[in-house]
Amino acid sequence: MSQAQAKKPHLHEVDLMRACIILGVICVHVLSSFNVRTPDGSWMDVSSGILMMTFHFTREAFMFITGLVLFYTYYDRPFTATSFWKKRFLLIAIPYIAWTAIYILFQGTFLKGFEWTASYLVHTFLTSLATANQYFLYFLLVSMQLYVVFPLMVRWLKRSERHHRAIVAAAFFVEIGIMIWNQASLQFVNVYQLPEWLRILVRYRDRDIFTYEFWFIAGAMFAIYYPRVKAWAMSHARTLFWTWLGMWCLLFGIYFLNRDGFHLTGGEIVDTLQPVMVPYSLAVALVLWRIGLGWQARRARGLMPRASRVIRFFGGVSFGIFLIHPIALRFVELLADQIHVSLPVQYAMLPIWIALTYVSSGIAAYLIGKIPFVGYIVGEKAGLPKSMARKTASSVAG
């Protein structure tokens, strides 16, 4: 077997990134559910808004990891488009379809005006599949778009290896341009005044692969030049940290510029699709990656065994947490509503609700992943246990 065809070592540092990023996702959603209760302009409104922006790197970081892992796995080994699509779509289409149905049925338990008629359920289900409008399934829809074009991307990047620096630079500035366009124009467009095809493109721009083109290309470049980039990062940890800190200070200033200069309100202030989030999210992703490299080096020496087990657990079930946490968060919010305390005390309790949502979703994802066949809905290849499969095979043969 050639070196290119040999199985590559697992990127344990990515496990840490996944564990941290999915925690950031939950932080954003818990903070946003609290933020709507705070008086406009209060210290709790401002501080929770800044915290939401701080953790809003998660979407871009997940896109970056997706590109990195795919190209790390497939770039320098032969594969066919059909085999790739069969393997990848099986692991993401099943969760996409299943959780679309689960979310719709779950909302029926608490949404007022929900109709349990067959026509309403079928219409809602088909519309949701087409638009990914159930909670945060947009990520799965964007991933499927990436899978469609991935074989072509591999061929393109192999043929243009002499121009990789120009490609990633161009992708970065195009991404900045898209974010400027979104913040300055698209988010204020009345989509109902547009032709239907354009209304769909503008309304659902946050689940279009072109909106995140830079992150997939950046992930690809990291994978292609992984040893070289890793060597640089190991010797430039302080540079990465100070870059992140500078980006966070810029983010802090942009929050007030959005609020007091541009007079944006609510979600417009902290929207993830704005220019500052591109360099900021990249800085956070790189810092988390560098921390992951440091942890992996210690783990390989047998250090931090307990912390490593926790990191590997949450990194391994991060996809399941992403899918399950909206339901867990609903029950956590109901529990929090039963505790009648002042708003500042509620604010102080947010870490408890974040931890409870994170841990409960992780445990649920792990347990579901162990159920034969059902585990596919959390991205696990959960067939029959080997012992049971052997018994089934022998009985069929007999």
Protein backbone atom coordinates (compact mmCIF):
# COMPACT_ATOMS: atom_id res chain seq x y z
CA MET A 1 0.00 0.00 0.00
CA SER A 2 1.38 3.42 -0.94
CA GLN A 3 1.90 6.17 1.60
CA ALA A 4 -0.87 8.23 0.02
CA GLN A 5 -3.31 5.36 0.36
CA ALA A 6 -2.34 4.49 3.95
CA LYS A 7 -4.77 5.57 6.60
CA LYS A 8 -3.71 8.85 8.14
CA PRO A 9 -3.41 9.32 11.91
CA HIS A 10 -6.45 10.65 13.73
CA LEU A 11 -6.37 14.42 14.39
CA HIS A 12 -6.93 14.41 18.13
CA GLU A 13 -6.53 18.19 18.20
CA VAL A 14 -9.71 18.45 16.16
CA ASP A 15 -11.55 16.53 18.90
CA LEU A 16 -10.72 19.35 21.30
CA MET A 17 -11.85 21.92 18.77
CA ARG A 18 -15.17 20.14 18.32
CA ALA A 19 -15.72 19.84 22.07
CA CYS A 20 -15.04 23.55 22.57
CA ILE A 21 -16.96 24.76 19.54
CA ILE A 22 -20.15 22.87 20.41
CA LEU A 23 -19.87 24.30 23.93
CA GLY A 24 -19.68 27.73 22.29
CA VAL A 25 -22.84 26.93 20.30
CA ILE A 26 -24.71 26.18 23.51
CA CYS A 27 -23.33 29.35 25.14
CA VAL A 28 -24.72 31.44 22.28
CA HIS A 29 -28.16 29.88 22.48
CA VAL A 30 -28.43 30.07 26.26
CA LEU A 31 -27.24 33.68 26.22
CA SER A 32 -29.67 34.62 23.46
CA SER A 33 -32.62 33.14 25.37
CA PHE A 34 -31.60 35.25 28.38
CA ASN A 35 -30.76 38.39 26.40
CA VAL A 36 -34.34 38.84 25.19
CA ARG A 37 -35.45 39.29 28.83
CA THR A 38 -33.02 42.10 29.60
CA PRO A 39 -33.97 45.80 29.37
CA ASP A 40 -32.50 47.47 26.27
CA GLY A 41 -29.25 49.24 27.04
CA SER A 42 -28.86 47.73 30.51
CA TRP A 43 -25.51 46.36 31.62
CA MET A 44 -26.92 42.85 31.32
CA ASP A 45 -28.15 43.53 27.78
CA VAL A 46 -24.77 44.92 26.70
CA SER A 47 -22.58 42.33 28.45
CA SER A 48 -24.66 39.36 27.28
CA GLY A 49 -24.63 40.80 23.75
CA ILE A 50 -20.83 41.08 23.80
CA LEU A 51 -20.60 37.52 25.11
CA MET A 52 -22.87 36.33 22.32
CA MET A 53 -20.60 37.96 19.74
CA THR A 54 -17.58 36.44 21.49
CA PHE A 55 -19.02 32.94 21.06
CA HIS A 56 -20.46 33.57 17.59
CA PHE A 57 -17.36 32.14 15.92
CA THR A 58 -18.88 28.69 16.13
CA ARG A 59 -20.65 28.53 12.76
CA GLU A 60 -17.57 29.49 10.78
CA ALA A 61 -15.31 27.29 12.90
CA PHE A 62 -17.45 24.22 12.24
CA MET A 63 -17.34 24.98 8.51
CA PHE A 64 -13.56 25.28 8.76
CA ILE A 65 -13.25 21.92 10.52
CA THR A 66 -15.52 20.27 7.96
CA GLY A 67 -13.28 21.41 5.12
CA LEU A 68 -10.12 20.50 7.02
CA VAL A 69 -11.19 16.94 7.86
CA LEU A 70 -12.57 16.19 4.39
CA PHE A 71 -9.44 17.35 2.58
CA TYR A 72 -7.14 15.77 5.15
CA THR A 73 -8.88 12.45 4.53
CA TYR A 74 -9.32 12.50 0.77
CA TYR A 75 -6.97 14.99 -0.91
CA ASP A 76 -3.98 12.72 -1.51
CA ARG A 77 -5.73 9.39 -1.92
CA PRO A 78 -7.73 8.05 -4.86
CA PHE A 79 -11.51 7.97 -4.54
CA THR A 80 -14.51 8.11 -6.82
CA ALA A 81 -17.27 10.67 -6.54
CA THR A 82 -19.93 7.98 -6.26
CA SER A 83 -18.20 6.16 -3.40
CA PHE A 84 -17.62 9.45 -1.59
CA TRP A 85 -21.23 10.55 -1.99
CA LYS A 86 -22.59 7.18 -0.90
CA LYS A 87 -20.53 7.18 2.29
CA ARG A 88 -20.95 10.83 3.25
CA PHE A 89 -24.60 11.36 2.35
CA LEU A 90 -25.61 8.27 4.30
CA LEU A 91 -24.11 9.78 7.46
CA ILE A 92 -25.70 13.21 7.03
CA ALA A 93 -28.92 12.73 5.06
CA ILE A 94 -30.33 10.30 7.62
CA PRO A 95 -29.84 12.74 10.54
CA TYR A 96 -31.14 15.61 8.41
CA ILE A 97 -34.37 13.83 7.53
CA ALA A 98 -34.82 12.29 10.98
CA TRP A 99 -34.27 15.47 12.98
CA THR A 100 -36.45 17.51 10.66
CA ALA A 101 -39.31 15.18 11.59
CA ILE A 102 -38.33 15.04 15.27
CA TYR A 103 -38.16 18.82 15.62
CA ILE A 104 -41.55 19.29 13.96
CA LEU A 105 -43.21 16.76 16.26
CA PHE A 106 -41.41 18.20 19.27
CA GLN A 107 -42.63 21.72 18.50
CA GLY A 108 -46.14 20.36 18.32
CA THR A 109 -45.96 19.69 22.06
CA PHE A 110 -45.67 23.38 22.99
CA LEU A 111 -46.34 25.68 20.01
CA LYS A 112 -49.73 27.37 20.00
CA GLY A 113 -51.66 26.98 16.76
CA PHE A 114 -49.78 23.84 15.76
CA GLU A 115 -51.93 21.56 13.61
CA TRP A 116 -51.75 17.80 13.91
CA THR A 117 -53.42 17.22 10.56
CA ALA A 118 -51.70 15.02 7.99
CA SER A 119 -51.71 17.78 5.36
CA TYR A 120 -50.10 20.30 7.72
CA LEU A 121 -47.44 17.85 8.92
CA VAL A 122 -46.53 16.74 5.39
CA HIS A 123 -46.37 20.32 4.11
CA THR A 124 -44.26 21.46 7.07
CA PHE A 125 -41.96 18.46 6.70
CA LEU A 126 -41.34 18.97 2.98
CA THR A 127 -40.88 22.73 3.37
CA SER A 128 -38.43 22.14 6.21
CA LEU A 129 -36.44 19.64 4.17
CA ALA A 130 -36.15 22.17 1.34
CA THR A 131 -35.21 25.14 3.52
CA ALA A 132 -33.55 23.64 6.65
CA ASN A 133 -35.70 25.95 8.76
CA GLN A 134 -35.91 23.63 11.75
CA TYR A 135 -33.64 24.97 14.48
CA PHE A 136 -30.01 24.73 13.29
CA LEU A 137 -30.19 22.16 10.51
CA TYR A 138 -28.77 24.72 8.08
CA PHE A 139 -25.33 23.32 8.92
CA LEU A 140 -26.31 19.91 7.58
CA LEU A 141 -27.78 21.43 4.43
CA VAL A 142 -24.61 23.44 3.77
CA SER A 143 -22.50 20.32 4.43
CA MET A 144 -24.51 18.39 1.85
CA GLN A 145 -23.88 21.16 -0.67
CA LEU A 146 -20.17 20.85 0.08
CA TYR A 147 -20.33 17.09 -0.46
CA VAL A 148 -21.85 17.63 -3.90
CA VAL A 149 -18.99 19.84 -5.10
CA PHE A 150 -16.18 18.28 -3.04
CA PRO A 151 -14.82 15.95 -5.79
CA LEU A 152 -14.65 18.92 -8.14
CA MET A 153 -12.91 21.03 -5.49
CA VAL A 154 -10.25 18.36 -5.02
CA ARG A 155 -9.55 18.22 -8.74
CA TRP A 156 -9.48 22.03 -9.00
CA LEU A 157 -7.07 22.49 -6.09
CA LYS A 158 -4.76 19.75 -7.37
CA ARG A 159 -4.58 21.38 -10.78
CA SER A 160 -3.95 24.83 -9.33
CA GLU A 161 -1.35 23.99 -6.66
CA ARG A 162 0.92 26.81 -7.83
CA HIS A 163 -1.82 29.32 -7.08
CA HIS A 164 -2.99 28.18 -3.64
CA ARG A 165 -1.89 31.35 -1.87
CA ALA A 166 -3.74 33.49 -4.36
CA ILE A 167 -6.82 31.28 -4.07
CA VAL A 168 -7.05 31.48 -0.29
CA ALA A 169 -6.37 35.23 -0.33
CA ALA A 170 -9.06 35.79 -2.95
CA ALA A 171 -11.50 33.61 -0.98
CA PHE A 172 -10.82 35.69 2.14
CA PHE A 173 -11.56 39.01 0.46
CA VAL A 174 -14.61 37.60 -1.30
CA GLU A 175 -15.87 36.44 2.10
CA ILE A 176 -15.35 39.91 3.54
CA GLY A 177 -17.27 41.34 0.57
CA ILE A 178 -20.16 38.93 1.12
CA MET A 179 -20.32 39.89 4.81
CA ILE A 180 -20.28 43.62 3.97
CA TRP A 181 -23.07 43.07 1.46
CA ASN A 182 -25.10 41.17 4.02
CA GLN A 183 -24.67 43.66 6.84
CA ALA A 184 -25.09 46.80 4.75
CA SER A 185 -27.86 45.66 2.44
CA LEU A 186 -29.25 42.14 2.40
CA GLN A 187 -30.45 42.02 5.99
CA PHE A 188 -32.65 45.07 5.36
CA VAL A 189 -34.22 43.85 2.12
CA ASN A 190 -37.97 43.22 2.15
CA VAL A 191 -37.84 39.78 0.57
CA TYR A 192 -41.58 39.79 -0.18
CA GLN A 193 -41.03 42.50 -2.78
CA LEU A 194 -38.60 40.30 -4.72
CA PRO A 195 -39.30 37.69 -7.40
CA GLU A 196 -39.80 34.26 -5.87
CA TRP A 197 -36.45 32.81 -6.97
CA LEU A 198 -34.56 35.84 -5.64
CA ARG A 199 -36.63 35.89 -2.46
CA ILE A 200 -35.54 32.34 -1.72
CA LEU A 201 -31.85 33.14 -2.33
CA VAL A 202 -31.88 36.24 -0.11
CA ARG A 203 -34.05 34.82 2.66
CA TYR A 204 -32.02 31.61 2.97
CA ARG A 205 -28.58 33.07 2.27
CA ASP A 206 -27.31 31.76 5.61
CA ARG A 207 -27.64 28.18 4.34
CA ASP A 208 -25.94 28.69 0.98
CA ILE A 209 -22.47 27.20 0.49
CA PHE A 210 -21.21 30.38 -1.22
CA THR A 211 -21.81 32.33 2.01
CA TYR A 212 -19.11 30.23 3.66
CA GLU A 213 -16.78 29.64 0.70
CA PHE A 214 -13.71 30.94 2.51
CA TRP A 215 -14.04 28.51 5.41
CA PHE A 216 -14.07 25.43 3.24
CA ILE A 217 -11.12 26.68 1.18
CA ALA A 218 -9.20 27.65 4.34
CA GLY A 219 -9.87 24.22 5.80
CA ALA A 220 -8.67 22.65 2.56
CA MET A 221 -5.41 24.63 2.63
CA PHE A 222 -4.76 23.64 6.24
CA ALA A 223 -5.25 19.98 5.33
CA ILE A 224 -3.06 20.12 2.23
CA TYR A 225 -0.18 21.81 4.06
CA TYR A 226 -0.90 20.39 7.51
CA PRO A 227 2.65 19.42 8.60
CA ARG A 228 4.03 22.80 7.53
CA VAL A 229 1.25 24.83 9.18
CA LYS A 230 1.45 22.69 12.32
CA ALA A 231 5.19 23.29 12.65
CA TRP A 232 4.61 27.04 12.34
CA ALA A 233 1.82 27.05 14.92
CA MET A 234 3.84 25.08 17.47
CA SER A 235 6.51 27.78 17.45
CA HIS A 236 4.15 30.79 17.28
CA ALA A 237 1.66 30.20 20.09
CA ARG A 238 2.07 33.74 21.45
CA THR A 239 1.50 35.25 18.01
CA LEU A 240 -1.76 33.36 17.72
CA PHE A 241 -2.88 34.38 21.20
CA TRP A 242 -2.13 38.08 20.74
CA THR A 243 -3.79 38.01 17.33
CA TRP A 244 -6.93 36.56 18.90
CA LEU A 245 -6.84 39.16 21.68
CA GLY A 246 -6.51 41.96 19.15
CA MET A 247 -9.42 40.55 17.15
CA TRP A 248 -11.54 40.34 20.31
CA CYS A 249 -10.82 43.99 21.13
CA LEU A 250 -11.87 44.86 17.57
CA LEU A 251 -15.02 42.79 18.07
CA PHE A 252 -15.73 44.67 21.30
CA GLY A 253 -15.49 47.97 19.45
CA ILE A 254 -17.63 46.74 16.56
CA TYR A 255 -20.41 45.83 18.99
CA PHE A 256 -20.73 49.47 20.08
CA LEU A 257 -20.24 50.73 16.53
CA ASN A 258 -23.13 48.55 15.38
CA ARG A 259 -25.32 49.68 18.25
CA ASP A 260 -24.47 53.37 18.63
CA GLY A 261 -22.97 54.22 15.23
CA PHE A 262 -25.04 52.20 12.77
CA HIS A 263 -28.07 52.10 15.13
CA LEU A 264 -28.61 48.41 14.59
CA THR A 265 -30.88 46.57 16.99
CA GLY A 266 -31.26 43.09 18.50
CA GLY A 267 -29.84 40.30 16.41
CA GLU A 268 -28.50 42.75 13.82
CA ILE A 269 -25.84 43.89 16.31
CA VAL A 270 -24.47 40.43 17.02
CA ASP A 271 -25.18 38.80 13.64
CA THR A 272 -22.57 36.23 12.72
CA LEU A 273 -22.73 37.27 9.05
CA GLN A 274 -20.78 40.53 9.36
CA PRO A 275 -17.23 41.41 8.24
CA VAL A 276 -15.51 41.40 11.64
CA MET A 277 -16.53 37.79 12.22
CA VAL A 278 -14.28 36.57 9.41
CA PRO A 279 -10.88 37.47 10.92
CA TYR A 280 -12.19 37.00 14.47
CA SER A 281 -13.57 33.50 13.84
CA LEU A 282 -10.37 32.51 12.06
CA ALA A 283 -8.31 33.74 15.01
CA VAL A 284 -10.43 31.76 17.47
CA ALA A 285 -10.28 28.62 15.33
CA LEU A 286 -6.49 28.88 15.14
CA VAL A 287 -6.13 29.39 18.89
CA LEU A 288 -8.36 26.41 19.62
CA TRP A 289 -6.38 24.36 17.12
CA ARG A 290 -3.11 25.39 18.78
CA ILE A 291 -4.50 24.50 22.21
CA GLY A 292 -5.54 21.17 20.72
CA LEU A 293 -2.02 20.57 19.43
CA GLY A 294 -0.63 21.25 22.90
CA TRP A 295 -3.16 18.93 24.50
CA GLN A 296 -2.42 16.19 21.96
CA ALA A 297 1.31 16.44 22.70
CA ARG A 298 0.61 15.99 26.42
CA ARG A 299 -1.92 13.23 25.79
CA ALA A 300 0.61 11.32 23.71
CA ARG A 301 3.01 11.41 26.69
CA GLY A 302 0.34 9.94 28.98
CA LEU A 303 -0.39 13.23 30.72
CA MET A 304 -3.85 14.64 31.57
CA PRO A 305 -5.63 11.24 31.31
CA ARG A 306 -8.90 12.37 32.95
CA ALA A 307 -9.13 15.62 31.00
CA SER A 308 -8.33 13.69 27.83
CA ARG A 309 -11.20 11.28 28.40
CA VAL A 310 -13.60 14.21 28.84
CA ILE A 311 -12.30 15.99 25.74
CA ARG A 312 -12.47 12.87 23.60
CA PHE A 313 -15.97 12.08 24.85
CA PHE A 314 -17.45 15.49 24.06
CA GLY A 315 -15.47 15.78 20.83
CA GLY A 316 -16.78 12.39 19.75
CA VAL A 317 -20.44 13.24 20.43
CA SER A 318 -20.30 16.87 19.29
CA PHE A 319 -22.43 16.22 16.20
CA GLY A 320 -25.07 14.54 18.33
CA ILE A 321 -24.96 17.41 20.83
CA PHE A 322 -25.52 19.85 18.00
CA LEU A 323 -28.66 17.98 16.98
CA ILE A 324 -30.03 17.21 20.44
CA HIS A 325 -29.31 20.42 22.33
CA PRO A 326 -32.35 22.42 21.08
CA ILE A 327 -34.59 19.88 22.81
CA ALA A 328 -32.41 19.77 25.92
CA LEU A 329 -32.37 23.56 26.01
CA ARG A 330 -36.16 23.67 25.95
CA PHE A 331 -36.36 21.55 29.11
CA VAL A 332 -33.55 23.51 30.76
CA GLU A 333 -35.47 26.75 30.08
CA LEU A 334 -38.58 25.25 31.66
CA LEU A 335 -36.52 24.30 34.69
CA ALA A 336 -34.98 27.77 34.89
CA ASP A 337 -38.45 29.37 34.75
CA GLN A 338 -39.37 27.52 37.93
CA ILE A 339 -36.64 29.36 39.83
CA HIS A 340 -38.07 32.76 40.70
CA VAL A 341 -35.09 35.02 41.31
CA SER A 342 -34.05 38.48 40.16
CA LEU A 343 -32.65 39.03 36.67
CA PRO A 344 -29.06 39.51 37.87
CA VAL A 345 -29.25 36.21 39.74
CA GLN A 346 -30.62 34.54 36.60
CA TYR A 347 -27.64 35.97 34.75
CA ALA A 348 -25.25 34.53 37.32
CA MET A 349 -26.90 31.11 36.93
CA LEU A 350 -26.34 30.94 33.16
CA PRO A 351 -23.16 28.82 33.50
CA ILE A 352 -25.25 26.20 35.32
CA TRP A 353 -27.79 26.02 32.49
CA ILE A 354 -25.01 25.93 29.90
CA ALA A 355 -23.29 23.05 31.67
CA LEU A 356 -26.57 21.17 32.16
CA THR A 357 -27.49 21.53 28.49
CA TYR A 358 -23.99 20.49 27.38
CA VAL A 359 -23.71 17.43 29.60
CA SER A 360 -27.27 16.18 29.16
CA SER A 361 -27.05 16.54 25.37
CA GLY A 362 -23.70 14.74 25.36
CA ILE A 363 -25.01 11.82 27.41
CA ALA A 364 -28.14 11.57 25.25
CA ALA A 365 -26.05 11.63 22.06
CA TYR A 366 -23.77 8.90 23.41
CA LEU A 367 -26.65 6.64 24.42
CA ILE A 368 -28.53 7.13 21.14
CA GLY A 369 -25.35 6.40 19.24
CA LYS A 370 -25.16 2.97 20.90
CA ILE A 371 -28.59 1.87 19.70
CA PRO A 372 -28.36 -0.33 16.59
CA PHE A 373 -29.41 1.56 13.46
CA VAL A 374 -30.99 4.38 15.50
CA GLY A 375 -27.48 5.67 16.10
CA TYR A 376 -27.37 6.86 12.50
CA ILE A 377 -29.49 9.87 13.51
CA VAL A 378 -26.55 11.22 15.53
CA GLY A 379 -23.98 10.35 12.88
CA GLU A 380 -22.87 7.02 14.33
CA LYS A 381 -22.54 3.88 12.22
CA ALA A 382 -24.64 1.86 14.63
CA GLY A 383 -25.37 -1.54 13.13
CA LEU A 384 -26.01 -4.73 14.98
CA PRO A 385 -23.46 -5.66 17.67
CA LYS A 386 -20.88 -8.08 16.29
CA SER A 387 -22.08 -10.98 18.42
CA MET A 388 -25.69 -10.48 17.33
CA ALA A 389 -24.64 -10.01 13.71
CA ARG A 390 -22.77 -13.33 13.79
CA LYS A 391 -25.79 -15.10 15.26
CA THR A 392 -28.04 -13.56 12.59
CA ALA A 393 -25.65 -14.55 9.83
CA SER A 394 -25.36 -18.13 11.11
CA SER A 395 -29.12 -18.49 11.43
CA VAL A 396 -29.59 -17.23 7.87
CA ALA A 397 -26.89 -19.58 6.62
CA GLY A 398 -28.51 -22.47 8.47
